[in-house]
Amino acid sequence: MAGDRLMGGRRIIVDAADYDRVAAEWIEARVEQSLQQAERCHLMLAGGGTPLSVYRLLAERDRLPWMRLTLFFWR
């Protein structure tokens, strides 16, 4: 499955303040990788309040080709 290839590797985040940036960069890289192989990327995101700061950062950075993404939220 394509997602299995994208999930490899581990990263240790020592400073909690870096979490949002690291998470946003990880999502951006995975989306870019996916779009190199397909016209669209389907992205399942967690709902609730916990990941909101990561989602805000993704929107502020504006590095994702939003028109090529299909977003699904799960809570």
PDB file of N, CA and C in Angstrom:
ATOM      1  N   MET A   1       0.840  -1.172   0.000  1.00  0.00           N
ATOM      2  CA  MET A   1       0.000   0.000   0.000  1.00  0.00           C
ATOM      3  C   MET A   1       0.889   1.241   0.000  1.00  0.00           C
ATOM      4  N   ALA A   2       0.512   2.272  -0.720  1.00  0.00           N
ATOM      5  CA  ALA A   2       1.350   3.464  -0.860  1.00  0.00           C
ATOM      6  C   ALA A   2       1.640   4.122   0.477  1.00  0.00           C
ATOM      7  N   GLY A   3       0.663   4.195   1.358  1.00  0.00           N
ATOM      8  CA  GLY A   3       0.863   4.822   2.656  1.00  0.00           C
ATOM      9  C   GLY A   3       1.935   4.153   3.481  1.00  0.00           C
ATOM     10  N   ASP A   4       2.103   2.843   3.313  1.00  0.00           N
ATOM     11  CA  ASP A   4       3.128   2.123   4.066  1.00  0.00           C
ATOM     12  C   ASP A   4       4.514   2.651   3.739  1.00  0.00           C
ATOM     13  N   ARG A   5       4.769   2.977   2.500  1.00  0.00           N
ATOM     14  CA  ARG A   5       6.080   3.492   2.103  1.00  0.00           C
ATOM     15  C   ARG A   5       6.327   4.885   2.683  1.00  0.00           C
ATOM     16  N   LEU A   6       5.270   5.624   2.931  1.00  0.00           N
ATOM     17  CA  LEU A   6       5.415   6.990   3.411  1.00  0.00           C
ATOM     18  C   LEU A   6       5.606   7.080   4.917  1.00  0.00           C
ATOM     19  N   MET A   7       5.314   6.022   5.641  1.00  0.00           N
ATOM     20  CA  MET A   7       5.311   6.091   7.095  1.00  0.00           C
ATOM     21  C   MET A   7       6.640   5.717   7.733  1.00  0.00           C
ATOM     22  N   GLY A   8       7.640   5.331   6.966  1.00  0.00           N
ATOM     23  CA  GLY A   8       8.894   4.853   7.534  1.00  0.00           C
ATOM     24  C   GLY A   8       9.661   5.929   8.280  1.00  0.00           C
ATOM     25  N   GLY A   9      10.511   5.483   9.179  1.00  0.00           N
ATOM     26  CA  GLY A   9      11.389   6.394   9.903  1.00  0.00           C
ATOM     27  C   GLY A   9      10.772   6.930  11.179  1.00  0.00           C
ATOM     28  N   ARG A  10      11.661   7.336  12.079  1.00  0.00           N
ATOM     29  CA  ARG A  10      11.219   7.916  13.342  1.00  0.00           C
ATOM     30  C   ARG A  10      11.924   9.242  13.542  1.00  0.00           C
ATOM     31  N   ARG A  11      11.297  10.105  14.263  1.00  0.00           N
ATOM     32  CA  ARG A  11      11.890  11.398  14.569  1.00  0.00           C
ATOM     33  C   ARG A  11      11.616  11.699  16.041  1.00  0.00           C
ATOM     34  N   ILE A  12      12.630  12.114  16.752  1.00  0.00           N
ATOM     35  CA  ILE A  12      12.476  12.493  18.152  1.00  0.00           C
ATOM     36  C   ILE A  12      12.495  14.011  18.218  1.00  0.00           C
ATOM     37  N   ILE A  13      11.451  14.577  18.789  1.00  0.00           N
ATOM     38  CA  ILE A  13      11.348  16.026  18.926  1.00  0.00           C
ATOM     39  C   ILE A  13      11.628  16.361  20.387  1.00  0.00           C
ATOM     40  N   VAL A  14      12.749  16.991  20.630  1.00  0.00           N
ATOM     41  CA  VAL A  14      13.177  17.288  21.995  1.00  0.00           C
ATOM     42  C   VAL A  14      12.433  18.493  22.553  1.00  0.00           C
ATOM     43  N   ASP A  15      12.277  19.518  21.757  1.00  0.00           N
ATOM     44  CA  ASP A  15      11.617  20.742  22.196  1.00  0.00           C
ATOM     45  C   ASP A  15      10.166  20.724  21.714  1.00  0.00           C
ATOM     46  N   ALA A  16       9.229  20.704  22.648  1.00  0.00           N
ATOM     47  CA  ALA A  16       7.813  20.635  22.290  1.00  0.00           C
ATOM     48  C   ALA A  16       7.390  21.806  21.407  1.00  0.00           C
ATOM     49  N   ALA A  17       8.071  22.929  21.516  1.00  0.00           N
ATOM     50  CA  ALA A  17       7.747  24.095  20.691  1.00  0.00           C
ATOM     51  C   ALA A  17       7.997  23.823  19.212  1.00  0.00           C
ATOM     52  N   ASP A  18       8.822  22.851  18.901  1.00  0.00           N
ATOM     53  CA  ASP A  18       9.124  22.507  17.507  1.00  0.00           C
ATOM     54  C   ASP A  18       8.109  21.548  16.896  1.00  0.00           C
ATOM     55  N   TYR A  19       7.221  20.991  17.708  1.00  0.00           N
ATOM     56  CA  TYR A  19       6.326  19.942  17.219  1.00  0.00           C
ATOM     57  C   TYR A  19       5.496  20.397  16.021  1.00  0.00           C
ATOM     58  N   ASP A  20       4.848  21.543  16.129  1.00  0.00           N
ATOM     59  CA  ASP A  20       3.971  21.997  15.043  1.00  0.00           C
ATOM     60  C   ASP A  20       4.735  22.140  13.732  1.00  0.00           C
ATOM     61  N   ARG A  21       5.904  22.772  13.796  1.00  0.00           N
ATOM     62  CA  ARG A  21       6.712  22.970  12.589  1.00  0.00           C
ATOM     63  C   ARG A  21       7.149  21.640  11.993  1.00  0.00           C
ATOM     64  N   VAL A  22       7.626  20.728  12.831  1.00  0.00           N
ATOM     65  CA  VAL A  22       8.087  19.423  12.348  1.00  0.00           C
ATOM     66  C   VAL A  22       6.922  18.642  11.746  1.00  0.00           C
ATOM     67  N   ALA A  23       5.775  18.674  12.405  1.00  0.00           N
ATOM     68  CA  ALA A  23       4.600  17.962  11.888  1.00  0.00           C
ATOM     69  C   ALA A  23       4.150  18.549  10.551  1.00  0.00           C
ATOM     70  N   ALA A  24       4.124  19.870  10.444  1.00  0.00           N
ATOM     71  CA  ALA A  24       3.724  20.515   9.187  1.00  0.00           C
ATOM     72  C   ALA A  24       4.695  20.173   8.066  1.00  0.00           C
ATOM     73  N   GLU A  25       5.985  20.199   8.356  1.00  0.00           N
ATOM     74  CA  GLU A  25       6.985  19.847   7.340  1.00  0.00           C
ATOM     75  C   GLU A  25       6.826  18.397   6.901  1.00  0.00           C
ATOM     76  N   TRP A  26       6.525  17.516   7.840  1.00  0.00           N
ATOM     77  CA  TRP A  26       6.347  16.096   7.515  1.00  0.00           C
ATOM     78  C   TRP A  26       5.148  15.924   6.583  1.00  0.00           C
ATOM     79  N   ILE A  27       4.033  16.571   6.917  1.00  0.00           N
ATOM     80  CA  ILE A  27       2.829  16.472   6.078  1.00  0.00           C
ATOM     81  C   ILE A  27       3.113  17.033   4.691  1.00  0.00           C
ATOM     82  N   GLU A  28       3.756  18.187   4.619  1.00  0.00           N
ATOM     83  CA  GLU A  28       4.078  18.793   3.319  1.00  0.00           C
ATOM     84  C   GLU A  28       4.952  17.872   2.470  1.00  0.00           C
ATOM     85  N   ALA A  29       5.930  17.246   3.083  1.00  0.00           N
ATOM     86  CA  ALA A  29       6.817  16.338   2.340  1.00  0.00           C
ATOM     87  C   ALA A  29       6.066  15.118   1.843  1.00  0.00           C
ATOM     88  N   ARG A  30       5.187  14.556   2.665  1.00  0.00           N
ATOM     89  CA  ARG A  30       4.430  13.375   2.250  1.00  0.00           C
ATOM     90  C   ARG A  30       3.465  13.722   1.122  1.00  0.00           C
ATOM     91  N   VAL A  31       2.826  14.889   1.198  1.00  0.00           N
ATOM     92  CA  VAL A  31       1.915  15.312   0.131  1.00  0.00           C
ATOM     93  C   VAL A  31       2.695  15.512  -1.163  1.00  0.00           C
ATOM     94  N   GLU A  32       3.835  16.173  -1.083  1.00  0.00           N
ATOM     95  CA  GLU A  32       4.670  16.384  -2.273  1.00  0.00           C
ATOM     96  C   GLU A  32       5.075  15.052  -2.898  1.00  0.00           C
ATOM     97  N   GLN A  33       5.471  14.114  -2.058  1.00  0.00           N
ATOM     98  CA  GLN A  33       5.849  12.777  -2.540  1.00  0.00           C
ATOM     99  C   GLN A  33       4.682  12.108  -3.257  1.00  0.00           C
ATOM    100  N   SER A  34       3.521  12.186  -2.654  1.00  0.00           N
ATOM    101  CA  SER A  34       2.336  11.564  -3.229  1.00  0.00           C
ATOM    102  C   SER A  34       1.978  12.190  -4.574  1.00  0.00           C
ATOM    103  N   LEU A  35       2.077  13.516  -4.660  1.00  0.00           N
ATOM    104  CA  LEU A  35       1.697  14.210  -5.889  1.00  0.00           C
ATOM    105  C   LEU A  35       2.704  14.029  -7.016  1.00  0.00           C
ATOM    106  N   GLN A  36       3.862  13.521  -6.718  1.00  0.00           N
ATOM    107  CA  GLN A  36       4.808  13.175  -7.778  1.00  0.00           C
ATOM    108  C   GLN A  36       4.353  11.916  -8.512  1.00  0.00           C
ATOM    109  N   GLN A  37       3.492  11.144  -7.868  1.00  0.00           N
ATOM    110  CA  GLN A  37       3.031   9.880  -8.434  1.00  0.00           C
ATOM    111  C   GLN A  37       1.578   9.918  -8.892  1.00  0.00           C
ATOM    112  N   ALA A  38       0.840  10.925  -8.460  1.00  0.00           N
ATOM    113  CA  ALA A  38      -0.586  10.982  -8.783  1.00  0.00           C
ATOM    114  C   ALA A  38      -1.024  12.437  -8.924  1.00  0.00           C
ATOM    115  N   GLU A  39      -2.140  12.634  -9.602  1.00  0.00           N
ATOM    116  CA  GLU A  39      -2.665  13.981  -9.832  1.00  0.00           C
ATOM    117  C   GLU A  39      -3.264  14.587  -8.560  1.00  0.00           C
ATOM    118  N   ARG A  40      -3.806  13.735  -7.690  1.00  0.00           N
ATOM    119  CA  ARG A  40      -4.449  14.197  -6.454  1.00  0.00           C
ATOM    120  C   ARG A  40      -3.879  13.443  -5.265  1.00  0.00           C
ATOM    121  N   CYS A  41      -3.997  14.061  -4.111  1.00  0.00           N
ATOM    122  CA  CYS A  41      -3.589  13.428  -2.858  1.00  0.00           C
ATOM    123  C   CYS A  41      -4.795  13.429  -1.923  1.00  0.00           C
ATOM    124  N   HIS A  42      -5.089  12.288  -1.350  1.00  0.00           N
ATOM    125  CA  HIS A  42      -6.173  12.152  -0.382  1.00  0.00           C
ATOM    126  C   HIS A  42      -5.535  12.103   0.997  1.00  0.00           C
ATOM    127  N   LEU A  43      -5.916  13.039   1.846  1.00  0.00           N
ATOM    128  CA  LEU A  43      -5.266  13.204   3.138  1.00  0.00           C
ATOM    129  C   LEU A  43      -6.290  13.083   4.256  1.00  0.00           C
ATOM    130  N   MET A  44      -6.089  12.099   5.137  1.00  0.00           N
ATOM    131  CA  MET A  44      -6.966  11.897   6.293  1.00  0.00           C
ATOM    132  C   MET A  44      -6.346  12.632   7.472  1.00  0.00           C
ATOM    133  N   LEU A  45      -7.101  13.541   8.063  1.00  0.00           N
ATOM    134  CA  LEU A  45      -6.617  14.336   9.185  1.00  0.00           C
ATOM    135  C   LEU A  45      -7.458  14.057  10.426  1.00  0.00           C
ATOM    136  N   ALA A  46      -6.822  14.156  11.579  1.00  0.00           N
ATOM    137  CA  ALA A  46      -7.534  13.968  12.844  1.00  0.00           C
ATOM    138  C   ALA A  46      -8.378  15.202  13.135  1.00  0.00           C
ATOM    139  N   GLY A  47      -9.551  14.986  13.691  1.00  0.00           N
ATOM    140  CA  GLY A  47     -10.393  16.089  14.115  1.00  0.00           C
ATOM    141  C   GLY A  47     -10.069  16.467  15.553  1.00  0.00           C
ATOM    142  N   GLY A  48     -10.886  17.303  16.124  1.00  0.00           N
ATOM    143  CA  GLY A  48     -10.664  17.717  17.505  1.00  0.00           C
ATOM    144  C   GLY A  48      -9.725  18.904  17.594  1.00  0.00           C
ATOM    145  N   GLY A  49      -9.445  19.314  18.818  1.00  0.00           N
ATOM    146  CA  GLY A  49      -8.643  20.504  19.032  1.00  0.00           C
ATOM    147  C   GLY A  49      -7.143  20.285  19.054  1.00  0.00           C
ATOM    148  N   THR A  50      -6.708  19.073  19.339  1.00  0.00           N
ATOM    149  CA  THR A  50      -5.273  18.826  19.509  1.00  0.00           C
ATOM    150  C   THR A  50      -4.440  19.202  18.285  1.00  0.00           C
ATOM    151  N   PRO A  51      -4.822  18.812  17.068  1.00  0.00           N
ATOM    152  CA  PRO A  51      -3.967  19.117  15.912  1.00  0.00           C
ATOM    153  C   PRO A  51      -4.206  20.495  15.283  1.00  0.00           C
ATOM    154  N   LEU A  52      -5.074  21.311  15.865  1.00  0.00           N
ATOM    155  CA  LEU A  52      -5.411  22.591  15.227  1.00  0.00           C
ATOM    156  C   LEU A  52      -4.201  23.482  14.980  1.00  0.00           C
ATOM    157  N   SER A  53      -3.252  23.510  15.895  1.00  0.00           N
ATOM    158  CA  SER A  53      -2.086  24.385  15.701  1.00  0.00           C
ATOM    159  C   SER A  53      -1.256  23.938  14.499  1.00  0.00           C
ATOM    160  N   VAL A  54      -1.218  22.638  14.241  1.00  0.00           N
ATOM    161  CA  VAL A  54      -0.501  22.130  13.063  1.00  0.00           C
ATOM    162  C   VAL A  54      -1.259  22.540  11.801  1.00  0.00           C
ATOM    163  N   TYR A  55      -2.580  22.409  11.817  1.00  0.00           N
ATOM    164  CA  TYR A  55      -3.382  22.770  10.649  1.00  0.00           C
ATOM    165  C   TYR A  55      -3.292  24.272  10.365  1.00  0.00           C
ATOM    166  N   ARG A  56      -3.283  25.088  11.418  1.00  0.00           N
ATOM    167  CA  ARG A  56      -3.135  26.536  11.223  1.00  0.00           C
ATOM    168  C   ARG A  56      -1.798  26.856  10.561  1.00  0.00           C
ATOM    169  N   LEU A  57      -0.762  26.188  11.018  1.00  0.00           N
ATOM    170  CA  LEU A  57       0.565  26.419  10.447  1.00  0.00           C
ATOM    171  C   LEU A  57       0.599  26.011   8.973  1.00  0.00           C
ATOM    172  N   LEU A  58      -0.028  24.896   8.634  1.00  0.00           N
ATOM    173  CA  LEU A  58      -0.094  24.475   7.229  1.00  0.00           C
ATOM    174  C   LEU A  58      -0.786  25.545   6.384  1.00  0.00           C
ATOM    175  N   ALA A  59      -1.856  26.111   6.903  1.00  0.00           N
ATOM    176  CA  ALA A  59      -2.584  27.151   6.166  1.00  0.00           C
ATOM    177  C   ALA A  59      -1.744  28.418   6.036  1.00  0.00           C
ATOM    178  N   GLU A  60      -1.058  28.808   7.112  1.00  0.00           N
ATOM    179  CA  GLU A  60      -0.236  30.025   7.084  1.00  0.00           C
ATOM    180  C   GLU A  60       0.950  29.886   6.138  1.00  0.00           C
ATOM    181  N   ARG A  61       1.578  28.717   6.148  1.00  0.00           N
ATOM    182  CA  ARG A  61       2.759  28.502   5.312  1.00  0.00           C
ATOM    183  C   ARG A  61       2.379  28.460   3.837  1.00  0.00           C
ATOM    184  N   ASP A  62       1.167  28.034   3.541  1.00  0.00           N
ATOM    185  CA  ASP A  62       0.622  28.006   2.178  1.00  0.00           C
ATOM    186  C   ASP A  62       1.573  27.340   1.184  1.00  0.00           C
ATOM    187  N   ARG A  63       2.110  26.193   1.565  1.00  0.00           N
ATOM    188  CA  ARG A  63       3.011  25.445   0.680  1.00  0.00           C
ATOM    189  C   ARG A  63       2.340  24.239   0.031  1.00  0.00           C
ATOM    190  N   LEU A  64       1.103  23.983   0.399  1.00  0.00           N
ATOM    191  CA  LEU A  64       0.402  22.833  -0.165  1.00  0.00           C
ATOM    192  C   LEU A  64      -0.440  23.266  -1.359  1.00  0.00           C
ATOM    193  N   PRO A  65      -0.499  22.441  -2.394  1.00  0.00           N
ATOM    194  CA  PRO A  65      -1.361  22.731  -3.544  1.00  0.00           C
ATOM    195  C   PRO A  65      -2.802  22.315  -3.206  1.00  0.00           C
ATOM    196  N   TRP A  66      -3.497  23.172  -2.479  1.00  0.00           N
ATOM    197  CA  TRP A  66      -4.794  22.820  -1.906  1.00  0.00           C
ATOM    198  C   TRP A  66      -5.789  22.316  -2.947  1.00  0.00           C
ATOM    199  N   MET A  67      -5.717  22.810  -4.162  1.00  0.00           N
ATOM    200  CA  MET A  67      -6.666  22.386  -5.200  1.00  0.00           C
ATOM    201  C   MET A  67      -6.443  20.934  -5.620  1.00  0.00           C
ATOM    202  N   ARG A  68      -5.306  20.369  -5.280  1.00  0.00           N
ATOM    203  CA  ARG A  68      -5.009  18.978  -5.647  1.00  0.00           C
ATOM    204  C   ARG A  68      -5.205  18.022  -4.474  1.00  0.00           C
ATOM    205  N   LEU A  69      -5.728  18.541  -3.354  1.00  0.00           N
ATOM    206  CA  LEU A  69      -5.918  17.711  -2.168  1.00  0.00           C
ATOM    207  C   LEU A  69      -7.388  17.433  -1.926  1.00  0.00           C
ATOM    208  N   THR A  70      -7.665  16.232  -1.458  1.00  0.00           N
ATOM    209  CA  THR A  70      -8.973  15.886  -0.927  1.00  0.00           C
ATOM    210  C   THR A  70      -8.750  15.600   0.545  1.00  0.00           C
ATOM    211  N   LEU A  71      -9.411  16.374   1.405  1.00  0.00           N
ATOM    212  CA  LEU A  71      -9.211  16.235   2.843  1.00  0.00           C
ATOM    213  C   LEU A  71     -10.370  15.484   3.479  1.00  0.00           C
ATOM    214  N   PHE A  72     -10.034  14.603   4.384  1.00  0.00           N
ATOM    215  CA  PHE A  72     -11.007  13.881   5.184  1.00  0.00           C
ATOM    216  C   PHE A  72     -10.650  14.132   6.642  1.00  0.00           C
ATOM    217  N   PHE A  73     -11.648  14.405   7.468  1.00  0.00           N
ATOM    218  CA  PHE A  73     -11.402  14.619   8.894  1.00  0.00           C
ATOM    219  C   PHE A  73     -12.062  13.498   9.686  1.00  0.00           C
ATOM    220  N   TRP A  74     -11.360  13.028  10.686  1.00  0.00           N
ATOM    221  CA  TRP A  74     -11.854  11.960  11.543  1.00  0.00           C
ATOM    222  C   TRP A  74     -11.753  12.436  12.978  1.00  0.00           C
ATOM    223  N   ARG A  75     -12.776  12.187  13.745  1.00  0.00           N
ATOM    224  CA  ARG A  75     -12.707  12.578  15.160  1.00  0.00           C
ATOM    225  C   ARG A  75     -12.930  11.408  16.066  1.00  0.00           C
TER     226      ARG A  75
END
